[in-house]
Amino acid sequence: MTTLSRDTSATAEREHIRLLREAGPARRLALALELSNMTREMAFAAIRRHEPSLTHDELVIRFVRLHYGEACSAMVSRCMEAKRSDEQPG
């Protein structure tokens, strides 16, 4: 049997697939969300290592630019600026 991953044995892959099939929809969703969160956290950490002086907002904007493009990051930047303006007293 050819496996989907080069670093996984056929036996381990069969067991993994069996366990996923036995898990209910809620458990599979939880696993997918956990993987997504870990991936996003690793991406943020990589950006932070490369540019440690970024503020949190700059980090978020850089993440969005890298993963979703310039237009999306510009929109996020405008939304963040509007939120900061709304939060200022006066």
N, C-alpha and C. Protein backbone atom coordinates (compact mmCIF):
# COMPACT_ATOMS: atom_id res chain seq x y z
N MET A 1 0.85 -1.20 0.00
CA MET A 1 0.00 0.00 0.00
C MET A 1 0.88 1.24 0.00
N THR A 2 0.56 2.18 -0.84
CA THR A 2 1.25 3.46 -0.86
C THR A 2 0.57 4.38 0.15
N THR A 3 1.38 5.03 0.98
CA THR A 3 0.81 5.91 1.99
C THR A 3 0.67 7.32 1.46
N LEU A 4 -0.14 8.11 2.12
CA LEU A 4 -0.33 9.51 1.73
C LEU A 4 0.85 10.37 2.16
N SER A 5 1.61 9.91 3.14
CA SER A 5 2.74 10.66 3.66
C SER A 5 3.99 9.80 3.58
N ARG A 6 5.08 10.38 3.10
CA ARG A 6 6.32 9.62 2.94
C ARG A 6 6.94 9.20 4.28
N ASP A 7 6.62 9.93 5.35
CA ASP A 7 7.26 9.61 6.63
C ASP A 7 6.35 8.80 7.57
N THR A 8 5.30 8.18 7.02
CA THR A 8 4.38 7.40 7.82
C THR A 8 4.29 5.98 7.25
N SER A 9 4.40 5.00 8.12
CA SER A 9 4.28 3.61 7.65
C SER A 9 2.83 3.32 7.28
N ALA A 10 2.66 2.32 6.46
CA ALA A 10 1.31 1.92 6.04
C ALA A 10 0.47 1.50 7.25
N THR A 11 1.09 0.80 8.19
CA THR A 11 0.38 0.36 9.39
C THR A 11 -0.10 1.55 10.21
N ALA A 12 0.77 2.51 10.42
CA ALA A 12 0.41 3.70 11.20
C ALA A 12 -0.67 4.49 10.49
N GLU A 13 -0.58 4.60 9.17
CA GLU A 13 -1.59 5.35 8.43
C GLU A 13 -2.95 4.66 8.51
N ARG A 14 -2.98 3.34 8.36
CA ARG A 14 -4.25 2.61 8.48
C ARG A 14 -4.88 2.83 9.86
N GLU A 15 -4.06 2.78 10.91
CA GLU A 15 -4.56 2.99 12.27
C GLU A 15 -5.09 4.42 12.45
N HIS A 16 -4.38 5.37 11.90
CA HIS A 16 -4.80 6.77 11.99
C HIS A 16 -6.15 6.96 11.30
N ILE A 17 -6.28 6.41 10.10
CA ILE A 17 -7.55 6.52 9.37
C ILE A 17 -8.67 5.81 10.13
N ARG A 18 -8.39 4.65 10.72
CA ARG A 18 -9.39 3.93 11.50
C ARG A 18 -9.88 4.78 12.68
N LEU A 19 -8.92 5.38 13.39
CA LEU A 19 -9.28 6.22 14.54
C LEU A 19 -10.11 7.43 14.11
N LEU A 20 -9.75 8.04 12.99
CA LEU A 20 -10.53 9.18 12.50
C LEU A 20 -11.94 8.76 12.13
N ARG A 21 -12.07 7.61 11.52
CA ARG A 21 -13.40 7.13 11.13
C ARG A 21 -14.25 6.81 12.36
N GLU A 22 -13.63 6.33 13.41
CA GLU A 22 -14.36 6.01 14.63
C GLU A 22 -14.76 7.26 15.42
N ALA A 23 -14.00 8.32 15.26
CA ALA A 23 -14.30 9.57 15.97
C ALA A 23 -15.59 10.16 15.40
N GLY A 24 -16.37 10.75 16.24
CA GLY A 24 -17.59 11.39 15.77
C GLY A 24 -17.28 12.73 15.09
N PRO A 25 -18.29 13.32 14.48
CA PRO A 25 -18.09 14.59 13.79
C PRO A 25 -17.55 15.69 14.71
N ALA A 26 -18.02 15.74 15.94
CA ALA A 26 -17.55 16.78 16.87
C ALA A 26 -16.06 16.62 17.15
N ARG A 27 -15.62 15.38 17.34
CA ARG A 27 -14.19 15.13 17.62
C ARG A 27 -13.35 15.47 16.39
N ARG A 28 -13.82 15.11 15.19
CA ARG A 28 -13.05 15.43 13.98
C ARG A 28 -12.97 16.95 13.78
N LEU A 29 -14.06 17.65 14.06
CA LEU A 29 -14.03 19.10 13.97
C LEU A 29 -13.06 19.69 14.98
N ALA A 30 -13.08 19.17 16.20
CA ALA A 30 -12.16 19.66 17.24
C ALA A 30 -10.71 19.45 16.82
N LEU A 31 -10.41 18.30 16.24
CA LEU A 31 -9.05 18.04 15.76
C LEU A 31 -8.65 19.00 14.64
N ALA A 32 -9.56 19.26 13.72
CA ALA A 32 -9.27 20.17 12.62
C ALA A 32 -9.03 21.59 13.14
N LEU A 33 -9.85 22.03 14.08
CA LEU A 33 -9.67 23.37 14.65
C LEU A 33 -8.37 23.47 15.42
N GLU A 34 -8.01 22.42 16.14
CA GLU A 34 -6.76 22.41 16.89
C GLU A 34 -5.56 22.50 15.93
N LEU A 35 -5.62 21.75 14.84
CA LEU A 35 -4.54 21.81 13.84
C LEU A 35 -4.45 23.20 13.23
N SER A 36 -5.59 23.79 12.92
CA SER A 36 -5.61 25.13 12.35
C SER A 36 -5.01 26.15 13.32
N ASN A 37 -5.39 26.07 14.59
CA ASN A 37 -4.85 26.98 15.60
C ASN A 37 -3.35 26.83 15.76
N MET A 38 -2.87 25.58 15.79
CA MET A 38 -1.43 25.34 15.93
C MET A 38 -0.67 25.89 14.73
N THR A 39 -1.22 25.71 13.55
CA THR A 39 -0.58 26.21 12.33
C THR A 39 -0.49 27.73 12.36
N ARG A 40 -1.58 28.38 12.76
CA ARG A 40 -1.59 29.85 12.83
C ARG A 40 -0.60 30.33 13.88
N GLU A 41 -0.55 29.68 15.03
CA GLU A 41 0.39 30.07 16.09
C GLU A 41 1.84 29.92 15.62
N MET A 42 2.12 28.86 14.87
CA MET A 42 3.48 28.67 14.36
C MET A 42 3.83 29.75 13.34
N ALA A 43 2.87 30.15 12.52
CA ALA A 43 3.11 31.21 11.55
C ALA A 43 3.38 32.54 12.26
N PHE A 44 2.59 32.85 13.29
CA PHE A 44 2.82 34.07 14.06
C PHE A 44 4.20 34.04 14.72
N ALA A 45 4.57 32.89 15.28
CA ALA A 45 5.87 32.76 15.94
C ALA A 45 7.02 32.97 14.94
N ALA A 46 6.86 32.46 13.73
CA ALA A 46 7.90 32.62 12.71
C ALA A 46 8.05 34.10 12.33
N ILE A 47 6.95 34.80 12.19
CA ILE A 47 7.01 36.23 11.88
C ILE A 47 7.67 36.97 13.04
N ARG A 48 7.27 36.64 14.26
CA ARG A 48 7.83 37.29 15.46
C ARG A 48 9.34 37.06 15.55
N ARG A 49 9.80 35.84 15.25
CA ARG A 49 11.25 35.56 15.26
C ARG A 49 11.99 36.40 14.22
N HIS A 50 11.37 36.56 13.07
CA HIS A 50 12.00 37.31 11.98
C HIS A 50 11.98 38.81 12.24
N GLU A 51 10.92 39.28 12.88
CA GLU A 51 10.76 40.72 13.14
C GLU A 51 10.26 40.93 14.57
N PRO A 52 11.13 40.79 15.56
CA PRO A 52 10.71 40.84 16.96
C PRO A 52 10.20 42.20 17.43
N SER A 53 10.47 43.26 16.69
CA SER A 53 10.05 44.59 17.15
C SER A 53 8.62 44.95 16.75
N LEU A 54 7.94 44.10 15.99
CA LEU A 54 6.57 44.42 15.57
C LEU A 54 5.63 44.49 16.76
N THR A 55 4.72 45.45 16.72
CA THR A 55 3.64 45.48 17.70
C THR A 55 2.66 44.35 17.37
N HIS A 56 1.72 44.10 18.27
CA HIS A 56 0.73 43.05 18.01
C HIS A 56 -0.06 43.35 16.73
N ASP A 57 -0.51 44.60 16.59
CA ASP A 57 -1.28 44.96 15.39
C ASP A 57 -0.44 44.80 14.12
N GLU A 58 0.82 45.21 14.17
CA GLU A 58 1.70 45.05 13.01
C GLU A 58 1.91 43.57 12.68
N LEU A 59 2.01 42.76 13.71
CA LEU A 59 2.17 41.32 13.53
C LEU A 59 0.95 40.73 12.82
N VAL A 60 -0.24 41.12 13.27
CA VAL A 60 -1.47 40.63 12.65
C VAL A 60 -1.54 41.07 11.19
N ILE A 61 -1.22 42.32 10.92
CA ILE A 61 -1.27 42.83 9.56
C ILE A 61 -0.26 42.11 8.68
N ARG A 62 0.94 41.85 9.20
CA ARG A 62 1.95 41.12 8.43
C ARG A 62 1.48 39.70 8.13
N PHE A 63 0.88 39.04 9.12
CA PHE A 63 0.33 37.69 8.93
C PHE A 63 -0.71 37.71 7.81
N VAL A 64 -1.64 38.64 7.89
CA VAL A 64 -2.70 38.71 6.88
C VAL A 64 -2.10 38.98 5.50
N ARG A 65 -1.13 39.88 5.41
CA ARG A 65 -0.50 40.17 4.12
C ARG A 65 0.16 38.93 3.53
N LEU A 66 0.88 38.20 4.36
CA LEU A 66 1.58 37.00 3.88
C LEU A 66 0.62 35.89 3.45
N HIS A 67 -0.50 35.75 4.16
CA HIS A 67 -1.39 34.63 3.89
C HIS A 67 -2.58 34.96 3.01
N TYR A 68 -2.99 36.24 2.98
CA TYR A 68 -4.20 36.58 2.25
C TYR A 68 -4.01 37.70 1.23
N GLY A 69 -2.85 38.33 1.23
CA GLY A 69 -2.56 39.34 0.22
C GLY A 69 -2.66 40.77 0.72
N GLU A 70 -2.16 41.66 -0.13
CA GLU A 70 -2.07 43.09 0.20
C GLU A 70 -3.44 43.73 0.39
N ALA A 71 -4.39 43.42 -0.49
CA ALA A 71 -5.71 44.04 -0.39
C ALA A 71 -6.38 43.70 0.94
N CYS A 72 -6.29 42.45 1.33
CA CYS A 72 -6.91 42.03 2.59
C CYS A 72 -6.20 42.67 3.78
N SER A 73 -4.87 42.75 3.72
CA SER A 73 -4.14 43.35 4.84
C SER A 73 -4.44 44.84 4.95
N ALA A 74 -4.65 45.51 3.82
CA ALA A 74 -5.01 46.93 3.86
C ALA A 74 -6.38 47.11 4.51
N MET A 75 -7.30 46.21 4.22
CA MET A 75 -8.63 46.28 4.82
C MET A 75 -8.55 46.03 6.33
N VAL A 76 -7.77 45.05 6.74
CA VAL A 76 -7.60 44.78 8.16
C VAL A 76 -6.97 45.98 8.86
N SER A 77 -5.98 46.57 8.22
CA SER A 77 -5.32 47.75 8.79
C SER A 77 -6.31 48.90 8.98
N ARG A 78 -7.16 49.13 7.99
CA ARG A 78 -8.17 50.20 8.11
C ARG A 78 -9.16 49.89 9.23
N CYS A 79 -9.56 48.64 9.36
CA CYS A 79 -10.48 48.24 10.43
C CYS A 79 -9.85 48.45 11.81
N MET A 80 -8.57 48.09 11.92
CA MET A 80 -7.88 48.28 13.20
C MET A 80 -7.77 49.77 13.53
N GLU A 81 -7.47 50.57 12.54
CA GLU A 81 -7.35 52.02 12.76
C GLU A 81 -8.71 52.60 13.17
N ALA A 82 -9.77 52.18 12.52
CA ALA A 82 -11.12 52.66 12.87
C ALA A 82 -11.47 52.26 14.30
N LYS A 83 -11.12 51.04 14.68
CA LYS A 83 -11.41 50.59 16.05
C LYS A 83 -10.64 51.42 17.06
N ARG A 84 -9.35 51.72 16.75
CA ARG A 84 -8.57 52.56 17.67
C ARG A 84 -9.19 53.95 17.78
N SER A 85 -9.66 54.48 16.67
CA SER A 85 -10.29 55.82 16.68
C SER A 85 -11.56 55.81 17.51
N ASP A 86 -12.34 54.73 17.39
CA ASP A 86 -13.60 54.63 18.16
C ASP A 86 -13.34 54.49 19.65
N GLU A 87 -12.20 53.90 20.02
CA GLU A 87 -11.90 53.68 21.43
C GLU A 87 -11.30 54.89 22.12
N GLN A 88 -10.85 55.88 21.36
CA GLN A 88 -10.25 57.07 21.95
C GLN A 88 -11.33 57.96 22.54
N PRO A 89 -11.10 58.45 23.77
CA PRO A 89 -12.11 59.32 24.39
C PRO A 89 -12.18 60.67 23.66
N GLY A 90 -13.33 61.22 23.66
CA GLY A 90 -13.42 62.58 23.15
C GLY A 90 -14.49 62.76 22.23
